[in-house]
């Protein structure tokens, strides 16, 4: 029996049955997970349509039976998810001091670029928005319409775009009361106020990899192996959470929610952004 991890839950290829995590993979849910006796691991979500906080089992959250075909599942597992998981472990194990940067190994940089690339492709709405930005920057149109069954075939379209990026880490430097949340869309765009903290006026796209770390890329920048670490205060973490809330709320998708610690979700639930 062959089991495929991360995007799938106990994929029994011989029996030809599996669940795909459509947008948000298990590895981004696990840092928020807690055990419910005799029921397994759950996370808290803020449903932005009902404005209710709910508990969802991580095996079932955003999971759909055979959403991706076997080739896509295996590729995501072996080439995208597992390598990115190793890079996340590298980041989590680093001792980061204020104003210090990180020199990543070449494989880590590739893993980060690839994970962002496929996260964009998995979200058709966000991909179309990003394509418009690419067209504006390069004056070269790229295809914007495809479905998830064509995911692997379209991945190469963004290869060049994701070669020319800079990488930033936003760190919850005070490890205080506020923790980062993560959206169903996985990737989110940071507003100009946050971008200015990098010392430049640039477009930043982020992925929350755990409650204390947001990994960001800045497309159309000079490629470098140096990763800038930006240490944030507690109030900055709250500002980014509000940014993520607004970004997810304004999506056109039918399903909109945030995953996070209960206290952070309660703060977002009780405000009108």
Protein backbone atom coordinates (compact mmCIF):
# COMPACT_ATOMS: atom_id res chain seq x y z
CA UNK A 1 0.00 0.00 0.00
CA UNK A 2 1.35 3.46 -0.94
CA UNK A 3 0.54 6.47 1.20
CA UNK A 4 0.93 10.03 -0.06
CA UNK A 5 1.30 12.70 2.62
CA UNK A 6 0.67 16.44 3.00
CA UNK A 7 -1.93 17.19 0.31
CA UNK A 8 -3.66 13.89 0.75
CA UNK A 9 -4.98 11.98 3.73
CA UNK A 10 -4.00 8.31 3.64
CA UNK A 11 -4.09 7.99 -0.11
CA UNK A 12 -4.60 4.34 -0.97
CA UNK A 13 -3.60 4.39 -4.63
CA UNK A 14 -4.36 0.70 -5.05
CA UNK A 15 -7.95 1.26 -3.99
CA UNK A 16 -8.07 4.39 -6.09
CA UNK A 17 -9.55 6.57 -3.35
CA UNK A 18 -8.10 9.68 -1.74
CA UNK A 19 -8.91 13.12 -0.42
CA UNK A 20 -7.15 16.19 -1.79
CA UNK A 21 -6.62 19.34 0.21
CA UNK A 22 -7.78 21.85 -2.39
CA UNK A 23 -5.93 24.99 -1.28
CA UNK A 24 -4.56 24.78 2.24
CA UNK A 25 -2.30 21.78 2.99
CA UNK A 26 -2.08 19.91 6.25
CA UNK A 27 1.42 21.16 6.98
CA UNK A 28 0.08 24.72 7.33
CA UNK A 29 -2.75 23.51 9.57
CA UNK A 30 -0.67 21.39 11.95
CA UNK A 31 0.89 24.32 13.90
CA UNK A 32 -2.66 25.35 14.91
CA UNK A 33 -3.93 21.86 15.69
CA UNK A 34 -5.16 20.57 19.02
CA UNK A 35 -6.42 17.14 20.01
CA UNK A 36 -10.04 16.42 20.83
CA UNK A 37 -10.41 13.25 22.86
CA UNK A 38 -11.37 10.24 20.75
CA UNK A 39 -11.89 12.45 17.68
CA UNK A 40 -8.45 13.40 16.40
CA UNK A 41 -6.80 16.73 15.58
CA UNK A 42 -8.82 19.91 15.04
CA UNK A 43 -8.19 23.59 14.30
CA UNK A 44 -10.18 26.73 15.04
CA UNK A 45 -11.45 28.63 12.02
CA UNK A 46 -13.24 31.96 11.67
CA UNK A 47 -15.92 31.53 9.00
CA UNK A 48 -16.05 34.94 7.35
CA UNK A 49 -19.50 34.37 5.86
CA UNK A 50 -21.23 33.58 9.16
CA UNK A 51 -18.66 35.41 11.36
CA UNK A 52 -18.59 32.34 13.60
CA UNK A 53 -15.65 30.51 15.14
CA UNK A 54 -15.85 26.78 14.48
CA UNK A 55 -13.76 23.70 15.12
CA UNK A 56 -12.85 21.62 12.06
CA UNK A 57 -10.95 18.35 11.79
CA UNK A 58 -7.74 18.93 9.86
CA UNK A 59 -8.20 15.75 7.81
CA UNK A 60 -11.48 17.11 6.45
CA UNK A 61 -10.88 20.86 6.27
CA UNK A 62 -10.69 21.98 2.62
CA UNK A 63 -10.55 18.32 1.55
CA UNK A 64 -12.37 16.98 -1.48
CA UNK A 65 -12.49 13.42 -2.77
CA UNK A 66 -10.10 12.96 -5.73
CA UNK A 67 -9.96 16.68 -6.51
CA UNK A 68 -6.51 16.20 -8.06
CA UNK A 69 -5.60 13.20 -10.18
CA UNK A 70 -2.97 10.66 -9.12
CA UNK A 71 -0.15 12.23 -11.13
CA UNK A 72 -0.82 15.65 -9.65
CA UNK A 73 -1.13 14.26 -6.11
CA UNK A 74 2.17 12.43 -6.37
CA UNK A 75 3.95 15.41 -7.88
CA UNK A 76 2.68 17.80 -5.21
CA UNK A 77 3.73 15.36 -2.52
CA UNK A 78 7.19 14.48 -3.79
CA UNK A 79 8.30 17.66 -5.55
CA UNK A 80 6.48 20.50 -3.75
CA UNK A 81 5.10 19.62 -0.31
CA UNK A 82 7.73 17.39 1.24
CA UNK A 83 10.68 19.58 0.11
CA UNK A 84 8.90 22.69 1.44
CA UNK A 85 8.24 20.88 4.74
CA UNK A 86 12.00 20.34 5.10
CA UNK A 87 12.60 24.04 4.46
CA UNK A 88 9.98 24.95 7.07
CA UNK A 89 11.87 22.78 9.56
CA UNK A 90 15.06 24.65 8.66
CA UNK A 91 13.35 28.00 9.33
CA UNK A 92 11.80 26.78 12.58
CA UNK A 93 15.17 25.58 13.84
CA UNK A 94 17.02 28.80 13.11
CA UNK A 95 17.91 31.13 15.94
CA UNK A 96 17.07 34.52 14.44
CA UNK A 97 18.38 37.73 16.00
CA UNK A 98 17.09 41.24 15.32
CA UNK A 99 18.27 42.73 12.00
CA UNK A 100 20.07 39.55 11.07
CA UNK A 101 19.61 37.89 7.72
CA UNK A 102 19.71 34.25 6.75
CA UNK A 103 21.69 32.56 4.03
CA UNK A 104 19.62 29.68 2.73
CA UNK A 105 20.94 26.73 0.81
CA UNK A 106 20.07 26.69 -2.88
CA UNK A 107 17.60 23.82 -2.37
CA UNK A 108 15.72 25.81 0.27
CA UNK A 109 15.33 28.77 -2.09
CA UNK A 110 14.03 26.48 -4.81
CA UNK A 111 11.57 24.88 -2.37
CA UNK A 112 10.22 28.29 -1.35
CA UNK A 113 9.84 29.52 -4.92
CA UNK A 114 8.12 26.31 -6.00
CA UNK A 115 5.70 26.30 -3.08
CA UNK A 116 4.64 29.88 -3.78
CA UNK A 117 4.38 29.12 -7.49
CA UNK A 118 2.04 26.18 -6.96
CA UNK A 119 0.05 27.98 -4.26
CA UNK A 120 -0.69 30.71 -6.81
CA UNK A 121 -1.71 28.13 -9.40
CA UNK A 122 -4.00 26.27 -6.99
CA UNK A 123 -6.10 29.38 -6.42
CA UNK A 124 -7.59 30.40 -9.82
CA UNK A 125 -8.91 33.76 -8.61
CA UNK A 126 -5.60 34.81 -7.08
CA UNK A 127 -3.68 33.48 -10.07
CA UNK A 128 -5.72 35.70 -12.41
CA UNK A 129 -5.02 38.75 -10.25
CA UNK A 130 -1.34 37.90 -10.21
CA UNK A 131 -1.31 37.44 -14.00
CA UNK A 132 -2.57 40.98 -14.40
CA UNK A 133 0.34 42.21 -12.28
CA UNK A 134 2.75 40.16 -14.38
CA UNK A 135 1.32 41.64 -17.57
CA UNK A 136 1.66 45.16 -16.15
CA UNK A 137 5.28 44.53 -15.19
CA UNK A 138 6.48 42.63 -18.24
CA UNK A 139 4.06 43.79 -20.95
CA UNK A 140 3.73 40.11 -21.79
CA UNK A 141 0.37 38.43 -21.48
CA UNK A 142 0.21 34.96 -19.93
CA UNK A 143 -2.78 32.55 -19.97
CA UNK A 144 -5.23 33.04 -17.12
CA UNK A 145 -7.82 30.32 -17.69
CA UNK A 146 -7.23 26.69 -16.75
CA UNK A 147 -8.70 24.18 -14.31
CA UNK A 148 -7.08 22.10 -11.60
CA UNK A 149 -6.72 19.06 -13.86
CA UNK A 150 -4.25 21.10 -15.95
CA UNK A 151 -2.20 22.27 -12.96
CA UNK A 152 1.06 20.52 -13.83
CA UNK A 153 0.93 21.60 -17.46
CA UNK A 154 0.56 25.27 -16.55
CA UNK A 155 3.21 25.36 -13.82
CA UNK A 156 6.02 26.22 -16.23
CA UNK A 157 4.22 29.44 -17.21
CA UNK A 158 5.35 31.07 -13.97
CA UNK A 159 8.88 29.64 -13.90
CA UNK A 160 10.55 32.87 -15.03
CA UNK A 161 8.45 35.05 -12.73
CA UNK A 162 9.43 33.03 -9.67
CA UNK A 163 13.12 33.07 -10.50
CA UNK A 164 13.35 36.83 -9.97
CA UNK A 165 12.20 37.23 -6.38
CA UNK A 166 13.51 38.31 -3.01
CA UNK A 167 12.56 36.44 0.13
CA UNK A 168 11.66 37.97 3.48
CA UNK A 169 10.74 36.47 6.84
CA UNK A 170 8.36 38.39 9.08
CA UNK A 171 9.06 37.24 12.61
CA UNK A 172 6.87 37.65 15.66
CA UNK A 173 9.85 39.10 17.48
CA UNK A 174 8.24 39.62 20.88
CA UNK A 175 6.46 36.25 20.88
CA UNK A 176 3.70 38.19 22.56
CA UNK A 177 -0.06 38.03 22.87
CA UNK A 178 -0.80 38.16 19.12
CA UNK A 179 -0.11 35.26 16.76
CA UNK A 180 -0.32 35.19 12.98
CA UNK A 181 -3.41 33.70 11.35
CA UNK A 182 -3.51 31.97 7.97
CA UNK A 183 -6.22 32.34 5.29
CA UNK A 184 -7.97 29.65 3.29
CA UNK A 185 -6.40 31.22 0.19
CA UNK A 186 -2.93 30.37 1.64
CA UNK A 187 -1.18 33.23 -0.22
CA UNK A 188 -2.11 36.82 0.64
CA UNK A 189 -0.94 40.23 -0.49
CA UNK A 190 0.43 42.56 2.14
CA UNK A 191 -0.59 46.20 2.09
CA UNK A 192 1.79 49.10 1.53
CA UNK A 193 2.18 49.86 5.25
CA UNK A 194 3.60 46.41 5.87
CA UNK A 195 5.70 46.51 2.72
CA UNK A 196 7.30 49.75 3.89
CA UNK A 197 8.78 47.90 6.86
CA UNK A 198 11.15 46.26 4.41
CA UNK A 199 12.60 49.70 3.68
CA UNK A 200 11.28 49.63 0.12
CA UNK A 201 7.98 50.25 -1.63
CA UNK A 202 7.45 46.81 -3.07
CA UNK A 203 4.69 44.24 -3.47
CA UNK A 204 4.90 41.45 -0.91
CA UNK A 205 3.05 38.15 -0.98
CA UNK A 206 2.97 36.11 2.21
CA UNK A 207 2.30 32.61 3.50
CA UNK A 208 1.93 31.98 7.25
CA UNK A 209 4.03 28.91 8.05
CA UNK A 210 3.35 28.94 11.79
CA UNK A 211 1.81 31.32 14.38
CA UNK A 212 5.10 33.22 14.73
CA UNK A 213 6.45 33.30 11.16
CA UNK A 214 5.21 34.66 7.82
CA UNK A 215 7.31 33.82 4.78
CA UNK A 216 7.16 36.50 2.04
CA UNK A 217 8.32 36.93 -1.52
CA UNK A 218 8.76 40.10 -3.55
CA UNK A 219 8.49 39.35 -7.29
CA UNK A 220 10.44 41.27 -9.93
CA UNK A 221 13.38 41.85 -7.60
CA UNK A 222 17.04 40.94 -7.99
CA UNK A 223 17.55 37.35 -7.00
CA UNK A 224 19.72 36.80 -3.91
CA UNK A 225 20.50 33.94 -1.53
CA UNK A 226 20.23 36.39 1.36
CA UNK A 227 16.88 36.30 3.18
CA UNK A 228 15.93 39.44 5.11
CA UNK A 229 14.46 38.89 8.57
CA UNK A 230 12.09 41.60 9.80
CA UNK A 231 11.37 41.40 13.49
CA UNK A 232 7.89 42.72 14.30
CA UNK A 233 6.31 44.08 17.44
CA UNK A 234 3.06 42.73 18.83
CA UNK A 235 1.03 45.56 17.29
CA UNK A 236 2.55 44.78 13.86
CA UNK A 237 1.38 41.17 14.12
CA UNK A 238 -2.16 42.40 14.79
CA UNK A 239 -1.92 44.75 11.81
CA UNK A 240 -0.90 41.89 9.53
CA UNK A 241 -3.77 39.77 10.86
CA UNK A 242 -6.18 42.59 10.00
CA UNK A 243 -4.58 42.74 6.56
CA UNK A 244 -5.10 38.98 6.10
CA UNK A 245 -8.70 39.29 7.34
CA UNK A 246 -9.49 42.02 4.80
CA UNK A 247 -7.75 40.17 1.99
CA UNK A 248 -9.67 36.94 2.60
CA UNK A 249 -12.97 38.75 3.15
CA UNK A 250 -12.70 40.51 -0.22
CA UNK A 251 -12.06 37.33 -2.19
CA UNK A 252 -14.76 36.26 -4.62
CA UNK A 253 -14.57 32.61 -3.58
CA UNK A 254 -17.60 30.99 -1.99
CA UNK A 255 -15.52 29.62 0.91
CA UNK A 256 -13.77 32.20 3.09
CA UNK A 257 -12.19 31.52 6.45
CA UNK A 258 -9.13 32.08 8.62
CA UNK A 259 -7.25 29.47 10.65
CA UNK A 260 -5.65 30.59 13.89
CA UNK A 261 -5.44 30.55 17.63
CA UNK A 262 -8.81 31.17 19.25
CA UNK A 263 -7.81 34.48 20.89
CA UNK A 264 -6.60 35.96 17.59
CA UNK A 265 -9.74 34.85 15.76
CA UNK A 266 -11.91 36.38 18.48
CA UNK A 267 -10.19 39.74 18.02
CA UNK A 268 -10.84 39.66 14.29
CA UNK A 269 -14.41 38.43 14.76
CA UNK A 270 -15.32 41.35 17.01
CA UNK A 271 -14.07 44.11 14.68
CA UNK A 272 -15.39 45.50 11.42
CA UNK A 273 -12.58 45.96 8.88
